[in-house]
Amino acid sequence: MAGKRALVVYDTKYGSTEQIANWIAEGINDADLRHVGDVESFNYDLVVVGCPIYSEMPSPRIIQFLDRNRDVLKNRKIALFTVSVPFDMTPERARRFAGQKDIKPLFDHASGQVIASKAFLGRIDLKEMTEFDRLSMRIWYFLKGYKLKEVNYLNRDEAVAWGKKLLETLTKPPDVIPPQPKQSDAPPSFPGGGAENK
């Protein structure tokens, strides 16, 4: 650990969640970065967990990670983030994307004190996808009434800024910890992730 205050854990398939996790760690500037399968220690003040959303479902490996480490994480501060590209996403909608629908399932499995959560937009690069994934996604989008196309909504500044905010929260904790989002009062969001090119 070498004295780092935060651990950023992520799962990824085609790189979007890994990229955002890197930027968040850059913003924290005092963090170790680990794939969900390579975590060896939880000796940190904060554990940030990044979950890709694929076909509206969270990564099974992240859910298993949260469940398997429930006992040790219950004594840690937790931050959660997701990465997805909703079916009907456009540049206009991207500016007001909330994504609470994607984050809610993570709260159901996170046992620690969740101090922050955020939904990020990812990218779809058809050239990087396997033939099976491309076909599966084309069918999935078609059934939803949309056409699968390449998009890139990755935003370095947004991710770095959130990392800096997490560091500030560690240095000067807020008076009130944000409550768990509820589906009934969550900010308006768009249908959850078609893909994130994880």
N, C-alpha and C. Protein backbone atom coordinates (compact mmCIF):
# COMPACT_ATOMS: atom_id res chain seq x y z
N MET A 1 0.82 -1.21 0.00
CA MET A 1 0.00 0.00 0.00
C MET A 1 0.85 1.26 0.00
N ALA A 2 2.01 1.19 0.68
CA ALA A 2 2.93 2.32 0.71
C ALA A 2 2.27 3.59 1.24
N GLY A 3 1.40 3.45 2.23
CA GLY A 3 0.82 4.61 2.90
C GLY A 3 -0.28 5.32 2.16
N LYS A 4 -0.80 4.76 1.09
CA LYS A 4 -1.87 5.43 0.34
C LYS A 4 -3.16 5.43 1.16
N ARG A 5 -3.95 6.49 1.00
CA ARG A 5 -5.18 6.63 1.79
C ARG A 5 -6.39 5.96 1.15
N ALA A 6 -6.34 5.78 -0.16
CA ALA A 6 -7.52 5.27 -0.86
C ALA A 6 -7.16 4.11 -1.78
N LEU A 7 -8.13 3.24 -1.98
CA LEU A 7 -8.02 2.13 -2.93
C LEU A 7 -9.13 2.29 -3.96
N VAL A 8 -8.77 2.29 -5.23
CA VAL A 8 -9.75 2.36 -6.31
C VAL A 8 -9.82 0.98 -6.97
N VAL A 9 -10.97 0.34 -6.84
CA VAL A 9 -11.19 -1.01 -7.37
C VAL A 9 -12.13 -0.91 -8.58
N TYR A 10 -11.85 -1.68 -9.62
CA TYR A 10 -12.71 -1.62 -10.80
C TYR A 10 -12.77 -2.98 -11.49
N ASP A 11 -13.82 -3.17 -12.25
CA ASP A 11 -13.89 -4.25 -13.22
C ASP A 11 -13.98 -3.59 -14.60
N THR A 12 -13.56 -4.28 -15.62
CA THR A 12 -13.58 -3.69 -16.96
C THR A 12 -13.58 -4.79 -18.00
N LYS A 13 -14.07 -4.48 -19.18
CA LYS A 13 -14.06 -5.45 -20.28
C LYS A 13 -13.35 -4.88 -21.49
N TYR A 14 -13.70 -3.66 -21.86
CA TYR A 14 -13.06 -3.02 -23.01
C TYR A 14 -12.35 -1.72 -22.65
N GLY A 15 -12.23 -1.42 -21.36
CA GLY A 15 -11.35 -0.34 -20.95
C GLY A 15 -11.96 0.94 -20.42
N SER A 16 -13.26 1.17 -20.59
CA SER A 16 -13.84 2.44 -20.15
C SER A 16 -13.78 2.61 -18.64
N THR A 17 -14.20 1.58 -17.91
CA THR A 17 -14.21 1.69 -16.45
C THR A 17 -12.79 1.78 -15.91
N GLU A 18 -11.87 1.06 -16.51
CA GLU A 18 -10.47 1.16 -16.10
C GLU A 18 -9.93 2.57 -16.32
N GLN A 19 -10.27 3.17 -17.46
CA GLN A 19 -9.80 4.52 -17.74
C GLN A 19 -10.34 5.52 -16.73
N ILE A 20 -11.63 5.43 -16.43
CA ILE A 20 -12.22 6.35 -15.46
C ILE A 20 -11.64 6.11 -14.08
N ALA A 21 -11.42 4.85 -13.71
CA ALA A 21 -10.79 4.54 -12.43
C ALA A 21 -9.41 5.17 -12.33
N ASN A 22 -8.65 5.13 -13.42
CA ASN A 22 -7.33 5.77 -13.45
C ASN A 22 -7.44 7.27 -13.21
N TRP A 23 -8.40 7.90 -13.86
CA TRP A 23 -8.57 9.35 -13.70
C TRP A 23 -9.01 9.70 -12.29
N ILE A 24 -9.88 8.89 -11.71
CA ILE A 24 -10.31 9.14 -10.33
C ILE A 24 -9.12 9.02 -9.39
N ALA A 25 -8.31 7.98 -9.58
CA ALA A 25 -7.11 7.82 -8.75
C ALA A 25 -6.16 9.00 -8.93
N GLU A 26 -6.08 9.51 -10.14
CA GLU A 26 -5.26 10.70 -10.41
C GLU A 26 -5.78 11.89 -9.61
N GLY A 27 -7.09 12.05 -9.57
CA GLY A 27 -7.68 13.15 -8.82
C GLY A 27 -7.46 13.03 -7.32
N ILE A 28 -7.58 11.82 -6.81
CA ILE A 28 -7.33 11.60 -5.38
C ILE A 28 -5.87 11.87 -5.05
N ASN A 29 -4.99 11.47 -5.97
CA ASN A 29 -3.55 11.73 -5.84
C ASN A 29 -2.94 11.05 -4.63
N ASP A 30 -3.63 10.09 -4.07
CA ASP A 30 -3.11 9.35 -2.90
C ASP A 30 -3.81 7.99 -2.87
N ALA A 31 -3.81 7.31 -4.04
CA ALA A 31 -4.63 6.11 -4.18
C ALA A 31 -3.88 5.00 -4.90
N ASP A 32 -4.17 3.78 -4.50
CA ASP A 32 -3.74 2.59 -5.24
C ASP A 32 -4.87 2.18 -6.16
N LEU A 33 -4.52 1.62 -7.31
CA LEU A 33 -5.49 1.21 -8.32
C LEU A 33 -5.38 -0.29 -8.52
N ARG A 34 -6.51 -1.01 -8.39
CA ARG A 34 -6.49 -2.46 -8.50
C ARG A 34 -7.71 -2.96 -9.28
N HIS A 35 -7.46 -3.94 -10.16
CA HIS A 35 -8.57 -4.67 -10.76
C HIS A 35 -9.25 -5.48 -9.66
N VAL A 36 -10.54 -5.71 -9.80
CA VAL A 36 -11.31 -6.39 -8.76
C VAL A 36 -10.73 -7.77 -8.42
N GLY A 37 -10.03 -8.37 -9.36
CA GLY A 37 -9.45 -9.68 -9.11
C GLY A 37 -8.08 -9.64 -8.47
N ASP A 38 -7.54 -8.44 -8.26
CA ASP A 38 -6.17 -8.30 -7.75
C ASP A 38 -6.08 -7.59 -6.41
N VAL A 39 -7.18 -7.46 -5.71
CA VAL A 39 -7.17 -6.75 -4.42
C VAL A 39 -6.60 -7.66 -3.34
N GLU A 40 -5.58 -7.18 -2.64
CA GLU A 40 -4.92 -7.97 -1.60
C GLU A 40 -5.07 -7.38 -0.21
N SER A 41 -5.42 -6.10 -0.12
CA SER A 41 -5.52 -5.44 1.19
C SER A 41 -6.64 -4.41 1.18
N PHE A 42 -7.23 -4.20 2.36
CA PHE A 42 -8.25 -3.17 2.53
C PHE A 42 -7.80 -2.15 3.57
N ASN A 43 -6.52 -2.04 3.77
CA ASN A 43 -5.98 -1.14 4.79
C ASN A 43 -5.91 0.29 4.26
N TYR A 44 -7.07 0.83 3.98
CA TYR A 44 -7.19 2.18 3.42
C TYR A 44 -8.32 2.91 4.15
N ASP A 45 -8.25 4.24 4.11
CA ASP A 45 -9.34 5.04 4.70
C ASP A 45 -10.59 5.00 3.82
N LEU A 46 -10.38 4.88 2.52
CA LEU A 46 -11.50 4.92 1.57
C LEU A 46 -11.31 3.84 0.51
N VAL A 47 -12.40 3.15 0.19
CA VAL A 47 -12.40 2.18 -0.91
C VAL A 47 -13.40 2.67 -1.96
N VAL A 48 -12.90 2.95 -3.15
CA VAL A 48 -13.73 3.41 -4.26
C VAL A 48 -13.97 2.21 -5.18
N VAL A 49 -15.23 1.93 -5.47
CA VAL A 49 -15.57 0.74 -6.26
C VAL A 49 -16.24 1.17 -7.56
N GLY A 50 -15.63 0.77 -8.69
CA GLY A 50 -16.14 1.12 -10.01
C GLY A 50 -16.78 -0.06 -10.71
N CYS A 51 -18.02 0.11 -11.14
CA CYS A 51 -18.79 -1.01 -11.71
C CYS A 51 -19.26 -0.69 -13.13
N PRO A 52 -18.82 -1.46 -14.11
CA PRO A 52 -19.37 -1.29 -15.45
C PRO A 52 -20.80 -1.82 -15.52
N ILE A 53 -21.60 -1.18 -16.35
CA ILE A 53 -22.98 -1.61 -16.58
C ILE A 53 -23.06 -2.11 -18.02
N TYR A 54 -23.54 -3.33 -18.18
CA TYR A 54 -23.61 -3.93 -19.51
C TYR A 54 -24.98 -4.55 -19.69
N SER A 55 -25.71 -4.09 -20.71
CA SER A 55 -27.08 -4.56 -20.93
C SER A 55 -27.93 -4.35 -19.68
N GLU A 56 -27.77 -3.19 -19.08
CA GLU A 56 -28.54 -2.75 -17.91
C GLU A 56 -28.24 -3.55 -16.64
N MET A 57 -27.18 -4.31 -16.63
CA MET A 57 -26.84 -5.14 -15.48
C MET A 57 -25.45 -4.77 -14.95
N PRO A 58 -25.30 -4.69 -13.61
CA PRO A 58 -23.97 -4.42 -13.04
C PRO A 58 -23.05 -5.61 -13.21
N SER A 59 -21.77 -5.36 -13.18
CA SER A 59 -20.78 -6.42 -13.30
C SER A 59 -20.95 -7.45 -12.19
N PRO A 60 -21.14 -8.73 -12.51
CA PRO A 60 -21.25 -9.76 -11.47
C PRO A 60 -20.03 -9.83 -10.58
N ARG A 61 -18.84 -9.54 -11.14
CA ARG A 61 -17.63 -9.60 -10.33
C ARG A 61 -17.59 -8.52 -9.27
N ILE A 62 -18.15 -7.34 -9.58
CA ILE A 62 -18.21 -6.28 -8.57
C ILE A 62 -19.22 -6.64 -7.49
N ILE A 63 -20.37 -7.14 -7.87
CA ILE A 63 -21.37 -7.56 -6.89
C ILE A 63 -20.80 -8.64 -5.98
N GLN A 64 -20.12 -9.62 -6.56
CA GLN A 64 -19.50 -10.68 -5.77
C GLN A 64 -18.42 -10.13 -4.85
N PHE A 65 -17.67 -9.16 -5.34
CA PHE A 65 -16.63 -8.52 -4.53
C PHE A 65 -17.23 -7.85 -3.30
N LEU A 66 -18.30 -7.10 -3.50
CA LEU A 66 -18.95 -6.41 -2.38
C LEU A 66 -19.54 -7.41 -1.39
N ASP A 67 -20.15 -8.46 -1.90
CA ASP A 67 -20.76 -9.47 -1.01
C ASP A 67 -19.69 -10.26 -0.26
N ARG A 68 -18.65 -10.66 -0.97
CA ARG A 68 -17.61 -11.50 -0.38
C ARG A 68 -16.83 -10.77 0.70
N ASN A 69 -16.69 -9.45 0.54
CA ASN A 69 -15.90 -8.66 1.49
C ASN A 69 -16.76 -7.80 2.39
N ARG A 70 -17.99 -8.21 2.58
CA ARG A 70 -18.94 -7.42 3.37
C ARG A 70 -18.42 -7.13 4.77
N ASP A 71 -17.84 -8.12 5.44
CA ASP A 71 -17.40 -7.94 6.82
C ASP A 71 -16.29 -6.91 6.95
N VAL A 72 -15.31 -6.96 6.05
CA VAL A 72 -14.20 -6.02 6.16
C VAL A 72 -14.59 -4.63 5.66
N LEU A 73 -15.47 -4.56 4.67
CA LEU A 73 -15.87 -3.27 4.12
C LEU A 73 -16.83 -2.50 5.03
N LYS A 74 -17.49 -3.19 5.94
CA LYS A 74 -18.46 -2.50 6.79
C LYS A 74 -17.79 -1.48 7.71
N ASN A 75 -16.48 -1.59 7.89
CA ASN A 75 -15.74 -0.64 8.71
C ASN A 75 -14.97 0.37 7.88
N ARG A 76 -15.30 0.48 6.61
CA ARG A 76 -14.59 1.39 5.71
C ARG A 76 -15.55 2.41 5.11
N LYS A 77 -14.99 3.56 4.76
CA LYS A 77 -15.73 4.52 3.95
C LYS A 77 -15.70 4.02 2.51
N ILE A 78 -16.84 4.12 1.84
CA ILE A 78 -16.99 3.59 0.49
C ILE A 78 -17.48 4.69 -0.45
N ALA A 79 -16.95 4.69 -1.67
CA ALA A 79 -17.50 5.51 -2.75
C ALA A 79 -17.79 4.58 -3.92
N LEU A 80 -18.90 4.81 -4.59
CA LEU A 80 -19.35 3.93 -5.67
C LEU A 80 -19.49 4.71 -6.97
N PHE A 81 -19.06 4.10 -8.07
CA PHE A 81 -19.34 4.72 -9.37
C PHE A 81 -19.64 3.66 -10.41
N THR A 82 -20.43 4.04 -11.39
CA THR A 82 -20.78 3.16 -12.50
C THR A 82 -20.34 3.80 -13.81
N VAL A 83 -20.24 2.97 -14.84
CA VAL A 83 -19.91 3.45 -16.18
C VAL A 83 -20.85 2.75 -17.16
N SER A 84 -21.54 3.53 -17.97
CA SER A 84 -22.49 2.95 -18.92
C SER A 84 -22.73 3.90 -20.09
N VAL A 85 -23.40 3.40 -21.10
CA VAL A 85 -23.91 4.22 -22.20
C VAL A 85 -25.36 3.83 -22.43
N PRO A 86 -26.31 4.60 -21.90
CA PRO A 86 -27.73 4.29 -22.12
C PRO A 86 -28.08 4.28 -23.61
N PHE A 87 -29.11 3.54 -23.95
CA PHE A 87 -29.50 3.35 -25.34
C PHE A 87 -29.77 4.66 -26.06
N ASP A 88 -30.45 5.58 -25.37
CA ASP A 88 -30.89 6.80 -26.04
C ASP A 88 -30.00 8.00 -25.73
N MET A 89 -28.75 7.74 -25.36
CA MET A 89 -27.87 8.84 -24.99
C MET A 89 -27.51 9.70 -26.20
N THR A 90 -27.53 11.01 -25.98
CA THR A 90 -27.13 11.99 -26.99
C THR A 90 -26.23 13.01 -26.30
N PRO A 91 -25.47 13.80 -27.06
CA PRO A 91 -24.64 14.83 -26.42
C PRO A 91 -25.44 15.76 -25.52
N GLU A 92 -26.67 16.09 -25.92
CA GLU A 92 -27.51 16.96 -25.09
C GLU A 92 -27.87 16.28 -23.77
N ARG A 93 -28.29 15.04 -23.84
CA ARG A 93 -28.67 14.31 -22.63
C ARG A 93 -27.45 14.02 -21.76
N ALA A 94 -26.30 13.87 -22.38
CA ALA A 94 -25.08 13.58 -21.62
C ALA A 94 -24.77 14.69 -20.63
N ARG A 95 -25.15 15.92 -20.97
CA ARG A 95 -24.84 17.05 -20.09
C ARG A 95 -25.66 17.03 -18.80
N ARG A 96 -26.75 16.26 -18.78
CA ARG A 96 -27.57 16.20 -17.56
C ARG A 96 -27.82 14.77 -17.11
N PHE A 97 -26.91 13.88 -17.49
CA PHE A 97 -27.03 12.47 -17.11
C PHE A 97 -26.85 12.30 -15.61
N ALA A 98 -27.77 11.57 -14.98
CA ALA A 98 -27.69 11.32 -13.53
C ALA A 98 -27.35 9.86 -13.23
N GLY A 99 -28.01 8.93 -13.90
CA GLY A 99 -27.65 7.53 -13.79
C GLY A 99 -27.95 6.86 -12.47
N GLN A 100 -28.87 7.41 -11.67
CA GLN A 100 -29.15 6.83 -10.36
C GLN A 100 -29.70 5.41 -10.47
N LYS A 101 -30.37 5.11 -11.57
CA LYS A 101 -30.91 3.76 -11.76
C LYS A 101 -29.80 2.72 -11.76
N ASP A 102 -28.65 3.07 -12.32
CA ASP A 102 -27.53 2.14 -12.38
C ASP A 102 -26.86 1.96 -11.02
N ILE A 103 -26.80 3.02 -10.23
CA ILE A 103 -26.07 2.98 -8.96
C ILE A 103 -26.85 2.27 -7.87
N LYS A 104 -28.17 2.36 -7.89
CA LYS A 104 -29.00 1.82 -6.82
C LYS A 104 -28.65 0.38 -6.43
N PRO A 105 -28.46 -0.54 -7.39
CA PRO A 105 -28.15 -1.93 -6.98
C PRO A 105 -26.86 -2.05 -6.18
N LEU A 106 -25.90 -1.16 -6.42
CA LEU A 106 -24.64 -1.24 -5.68
C LEU A 106 -24.85 -0.94 -4.20
N PHE A 107 -25.75 -0.01 -3.90
CA PHE A 107 -26.05 0.31 -2.50
C PHE A 107 -26.61 -0.90 -1.77
N ASP A 108 -27.31 -1.74 -2.50
CA ASP A 108 -27.90 -2.92 -1.87
C ASP A 108 -26.85 -3.93 -1.44
N HIS A 109 -25.64 -3.82 -1.99
CA HIS A 109 -24.58 -4.77 -1.67
C HIS A 109 -23.42 -4.14 -0.89
N ALA A 110 -23.34 -2.82 -0.87
CA ALA A 110 -22.24 -2.15 -0.18
C ALA A 110 -22.52 -2.11 1.32
N SER A 111 -21.57 -2.59 2.12
CA SER A 111 -21.79 -2.68 3.56
C SER A 111 -21.16 -1.54 4.34
N GLY A 112 -20.29 -0.77 3.72
CA GLY A 112 -19.61 0.31 4.44
C GLY A 112 -20.42 1.58 4.48
N GLN A 113 -19.77 2.65 4.93
CA GLN A 113 -20.40 3.97 4.97
C GLN A 113 -20.18 4.63 3.61
N VAL A 114 -21.22 4.66 2.80
CA VAL A 114 -21.10 5.21 1.45
C VAL A 114 -21.12 6.74 1.54
N ILE A 115 -19.98 7.35 1.23
CA ILE A 115 -19.86 8.80 1.37
C ILE A 115 -20.12 9.53 0.05
N ALA A 116 -20.11 8.79 -1.07
CA ALA A 116 -20.33 9.44 -2.36
C ALA A 116 -20.66 8.38 -3.41
N SER A 117 -21.38 8.80 -4.44
CA SER A 117 -21.66 7.92 -5.58
C SER A 117 -21.81 8.77 -6.83
N LYS A 118 -21.47 8.17 -7.97
CA LYS A 118 -21.57 8.92 -9.22
C LYS A 118 -21.68 7.97 -10.40
N ALA A 119 -22.46 8.37 -11.38
CA ALA A 119 -22.59 7.61 -12.63
C ALA A 119 -21.84 8.35 -13.73
N PHE A 120 -20.93 7.65 -14.38
CA PHE A 120 -20.17 8.21 -15.50
C PHE A 120 -20.64 7.58 -16.81
N LEU A 121 -20.48 8.33 -17.87
CA LEU A 121 -20.74 7.79 -19.20
C LEU A 121 -19.46 7.20 -19.78
N GLY A 122 -19.60 6.13 -20.56
CA GLY A 122 -18.44 5.47 -21.13
C GLY A 122 -18.37 5.66 -22.63
N ARG A 123 -17.94 4.62 -23.32
CA ARG A 123 -17.83 4.68 -24.77
C ARG A 123 -18.18 3.32 -25.37
N ILE A 124 -18.51 3.33 -26.64
CA ILE A 124 -18.73 2.11 -27.40
C ILE A 124 -17.82 2.17 -28.62
N ASP A 125 -16.87 1.26 -28.69
CA ASP A 125 -15.96 1.16 -29.82
C ASP A 125 -16.19 -0.22 -30.45
N LEU A 126 -16.91 -0.25 -31.55
CA LEU A 126 -17.29 -1.52 -32.16
C LEU A 126 -16.08 -2.33 -32.62
N LYS A 127 -14.99 -1.65 -32.96
CA LYS A 127 -13.80 -2.35 -33.44
C LYS A 127 -13.14 -3.14 -32.31
N GLU A 128 -13.31 -2.70 -31.07
CA GLU A 128 -12.70 -3.38 -29.94
C GLU A 128 -13.52 -4.58 -29.47
N MET A 129 -14.79 -4.59 -29.80
CA MET A 129 -15.68 -5.62 -29.30
C MET A 129 -15.49 -6.93 -30.05
N THR A 130 -15.72 -8.04 -29.36
CA THR A 130 -15.70 -9.34 -30.02
C THR A 130 -16.91 -9.44 -30.95
N GLU A 131 -16.82 -10.35 -31.91
CA GLU A 131 -17.93 -10.53 -32.84
C GLU A 131 -19.21 -10.91 -32.09
N PHE A 132 -19.06 -11.75 -31.08
CA PHE A 132 -20.22 -12.16 -30.29
C PHE A 132 -20.85 -10.98 -29.56
N ASP A 133 -19.99 -10.13 -28.95
CA ASP A 133 -20.51 -8.97 -28.22
C ASP A 133 -21.18 -7.98 -29.17
N ARG A 134 -20.58 -7.76 -30.34
CA ARG A 134 -21.20 -6.85 -31.30
C ARG A 134 -22.58 -7.34 -31.71
N LEU A 135 -22.68 -8.63 -32.01
CA LEU A 135 -23.96 -9.19 -32.42
C LEU A 135 -24.98 -9.11 -31.29
N SER A 136 -24.54 -9.46 -30.08
CA SER A 136 -25.44 -9.42 -28.93
C SER A 136 -25.95 -8.01 -28.68
N MET A 137 -25.04 -7.02 -28.78
CA MET A 137 -25.44 -5.65 -28.53
C MET A 137 -26.34 -5.11 -29.63
N ARG A 138 -26.07 -5.49 -30.87
CA ARG A 138 -26.95 -5.04 -31.97
C ARG A 138 -28.37 -5.56 -31.76
N ILE A 139 -28.48 -6.81 -31.37
CA ILE A 139 -29.80 -7.39 -31.12
C ILE A 139 -30.46 -6.70 -29.94
N TRP A 140 -29.69 -6.47 -28.87
CA TRP A 140 -30.22 -5.83 -27.66
C TRP A 140 -30.73 -4.43 -27.98
N TYR A 141 -29.94 -3.66 -28.71
CA TYR A 141 -30.36 -2.31 -29.08
C TYR A 141 -31.59 -2.36 -29.99
N PHE A 142 -31.60 -3.28 -30.93
CA PHE A 142 -32.74 -3.40 -31.84
C PHE A 142 -34.03 -3.67 -31.07
N LEU A 143 -33.96 -4.56 -30.09
CA LEU A 143 -35.14 -4.88 -29.29
C LEU A 143 -35.61 -3.68 -28.47
N LYS A 144 -34.68 -2.77 -28.16
CA LYS A 144 -35.03 -1.56 -27.43
C LYS A 144 -35.48 -0.43 -28.36
N GLY A 145 -35.36 -0.67 -29.66
CA GLY A 145 -35.78 0.34 -30.62
C GLY A 145 -34.69 1.31 -31.02
N TYR A 146 -33.43 0.93 -30.83
CA TYR A 146 -32.32 1.81 -31.16
C TYR A 146 -31.30 1.08 -32.02
N LYS A 147 -30.43 1.85 -32.65
CA LYS A 147 -29.37 1.29 -33.48
C LYS A 147 -28.04 1.45 -32.76
N LEU A 148 -27.29 0.37 -32.65
CA LEU A 148 -25.99 0.40 -32.00
C LEU A 148 -25.00 1.19 -32.85
N LYS A 149 -24.31 2.13 -32.24
CA LYS A 149 -23.31 2.92 -32.96
C LYS A 149 -22.18 3.29 -32.01
N GLU A 150 -21.07 3.69 -32.61
CA GLU A 150 -19.91 4.08 -31.81
C GLU A 150 -20.12 5.47 -31.21
N VAL A 151 -19.83 5.58 -29.92
CA VAL A 151 -19.89 6.86 -29.22
C VAL A 151 -18.77 6.90 -28.19
N ASN A 152 -18.39 8.09 -27.80
CA ASN A 152 -17.37 8.24 -26.76
C ASN A 152 -17.74 9.43 -25.87
N TYR A 153 -18.21 9.12 -24.67
CA TYR A 153 -18.58 10.15 -23.71
C TYR A 153 -17.61 10.20 -22.53
N LEU A 154 -16.46 9.55 -22.65
CA LEU A 154 -15.49 9.59 -21.56
C LEU A 154 -15.07 11.03 -21.29
N ASN A 155 -15.01 11.39 -20.01
CA ASN A 155 -14.73 12.78 -19.63
C ASN A 155 -13.67 12.79 -18.53
N ARG A 156 -12.44 13.03 -18.92
CA ARG A 156 -11.34 13.02 -17.95
C ARG A 156 -11.54 14.07 -16.86
N ASP A 157 -11.89 15.29 -17.25
CA ASP A 157 -12.03 16.37 -16.27
C ASP A 157 -13.06 16.03 -15.20
N GLU A 158 -14.16 15.43 -15.61
CA GLU A 158 -15.22 15.07 -14.67
C GLU A 158 -14.73 14.02 -13.67
N ALA A 159 -14.00 13.02 -14.16
CA ALA A 159 -13.51 11.96 -13.29
C ALA A 159 -12.43 12.46 -12.34
N VAL A 160 -11.50 13.26 -12.84
CA VAL A 160 -10.44 13.81 -11.98
C VAL A 160 -11.05 14.70 -10.91
N ALA A 161 -12.03 15.53 -11.31
CA ALA A 161 -12.68 16.42 -10.35
C ALA A 161 -13.37 15.63 -9.25
N TRP A 162 -14.01 14.52 -9.60
CA TRP A 162 -14.67 13.70 -8.58
C TRP A 162 -13.64 13.09 -7.64
N GLY A 163 -12.51 12.67 -8.19
CA GLY A 163 -11.44 12.15 -7.34
C GLY A 163 -10.95 13.19 -6.36
N LYS A 164 -10.79 14.42 -6.82
CA LYS A 164 -10.36 15.50 -5.92
C LYS A 164 -11.41 15.75 -4.83
N LYS A 165 -12.67 15.66 -5.21
CA LYS A 165 -13.74 15.86 -4.23
C LYS A 165 -13.72 14.76 -3.17
N LEU A 166 -13.41 13.53 -3.59
CA LEU A 166 -13.31 12.43 -2.62
C LEU A 166 -12.17 12.69 -1.64
N LEU A 167 -11.05 13.19 -2.14
CA LEU A 167 -9.93 13.50 -1.25
C LEU A 167 -10.32 14.58 -0.25
N GLU A 168 -11.04 15.59 -0.72
CA GLU A 168 -11.50 16.66 0.18
C GLU A 168 -12.42 16.10 1.25
N THR A 169 -13.26 15.14 0.87
CA THR A 169 -14.17 14.52 1.84
C THR A 169 -13.40 13.77 2.91
N LEU A 170 -12.31 13.12 2.51
CA LEU A 170 -11.47 12.42 3.49
C LEU A 170 -10.78 13.40 4.42
N THR A 171 -10.31 14.51 3.83
CA THR A 171 -9.58 15.50 4.62
C THR A 171 -10.51 16.29 5.53
N LYS A 172 -11.69 16.63 4.99
CA LYS A 172 -12.67 17.40 5.75
C LYS A 172 -14.03 16.77 5.52
N PRO A 173 -14.40 15.76 6.32
CA PRO A 173 -15.66 15.05 6.13
C PRO A 173 -16.86 16.00 6.17
N PRO A 174 -17.86 15.75 5.34
CA PRO A 174 -19.07 16.58 5.36
C PRO A 174 -19.85 16.38 6.65
N ASP A 175 -20.66 17.38 6.99
CA ASP A 175 -21.49 17.28 8.19
C ASP A 175 -22.54 16.20 8.05
N VAL A 176 -23.03 16.02 6.85
CA VAL A 176 -24.08 15.04 6.61
C VAL A 176 -23.66 14.13 5.47
N ILE A 177 -23.67 12.82 5.72
CA ILE A 177 -23.35 11.86 4.68
C ILE A 177 -24.55 11.71 3.75
N PRO A 178 -24.34 11.80 2.43
CA PRO A 178 -25.47 11.66 1.50
C PRO A 178 -26.20 10.34 1.72
N PRO A 179 -27.53 10.38 1.81
CA PRO A 179 -28.30 9.14 2.01
C PRO A 179 -28.30 8.28 0.77
N GLN A 180 -28.67 7.02 0.95
CA GLN A 180 -28.79 6.10 -0.17
C GLN A 180 -29.88 6.60 -1.12
N PRO A 181 -29.58 6.65 -2.43
CA PRO A 181 -30.62 7.11 -3.36
C PRO A 181 -31.78 6.13 -3.41
N LYS A 182 -32.97 6.66 -3.53
CA LYS A 182 -34.17 5.84 -3.65
C LYS A 182 -34.74 6.03 -5.04
N GLN A 183 -35.29 4.95 -5.58
CA GLN A 183 -35.81 5.02 -6.94
C GLN A 183 -36.91 6.06 -7.05
N SER A 184 -37.66 6.25 -5.96
CA SER A 184 -38.80 7.16 -6.00
C SER A 184 -38.39 8.62 -6.04
N ASP A 185 -37.25 8.96 -5.37
CA ASP A 185 -36.88 10.36 -5.32
C ASP A 185 -35.54 10.63 -5.99
N ALA A 186 -35.04 9.68 -6.77
CA ALA A 186 -33.78 9.88 -7.47
C ALA A 186 -33.97 10.93 -8.55
N PRO A 187 -32.89 11.67 -8.88
CA PRO A 187 -32.97 12.64 -9.96
C PRO A 187 -33.35 11.95 -11.27
N PRO A 188 -34.00 12.66 -12.18
CA PRO A 188 -34.38 12.04 -13.44
C PRO A 188 -33.16 11.47 -14.15
N SER A 189 -33.30 10.30 -14.71
CA SER A 189 -32.21 9.69 -15.45
C SER A 189 -32.78 8.98 -16.66
N PHE A 190 -31.89 8.47 -17.48
CA PHE A 190 -32.30 7.83 -18.71
C PHE A 190 -32.15 6.34 -18.57
N PRO A 191 -32.76 5.56 -19.44
CA PRO A 191 -32.69 4.11 -19.34
C PRO A 191 -31.26 3.62 -19.19
N GLY A 192 -31.02 2.67 -18.32
CA GLY A 192 -29.68 2.24 -17.94
C GLY A 192 -28.93 1.57 -19.05
N GLY A 193 -27.62 1.49 -18.88
CA GLY A 193 -26.59 1.25 -19.85
C GLY A 193 -26.78 0.15 -20.85
N GLY A 194 -26.72 0.50 -22.10
CA GLY A 194 -26.63 -0.51 -23.13
C GLY A 194 -25.26 -1.15 -23.10
N ALA A 195 -24.23 -0.36 -22.95
CA ALA A 195 -22.87 -0.88 -22.88
C ALA A 195 -21.97 0.21 -22.36
N GLU A 196 -20.77 -0.16 -21.97
CA GLU A 196 -19.81 0.86 -21.58
C GLU A 196 -18.47 0.64 -22.23
N ASN A 197 -18.38 -0.40 -23.11
CA ASN A 197 -17.10 -0.84 -23.65
C ASN A 197 -16.10 -0.94 -22.52
N LYS A 198 -16.47 -1.73 -21.54
CA LYS A 198 -15.76 -1.85 -20.28
C LYS A 198 -14.34 -2.32 -20.49
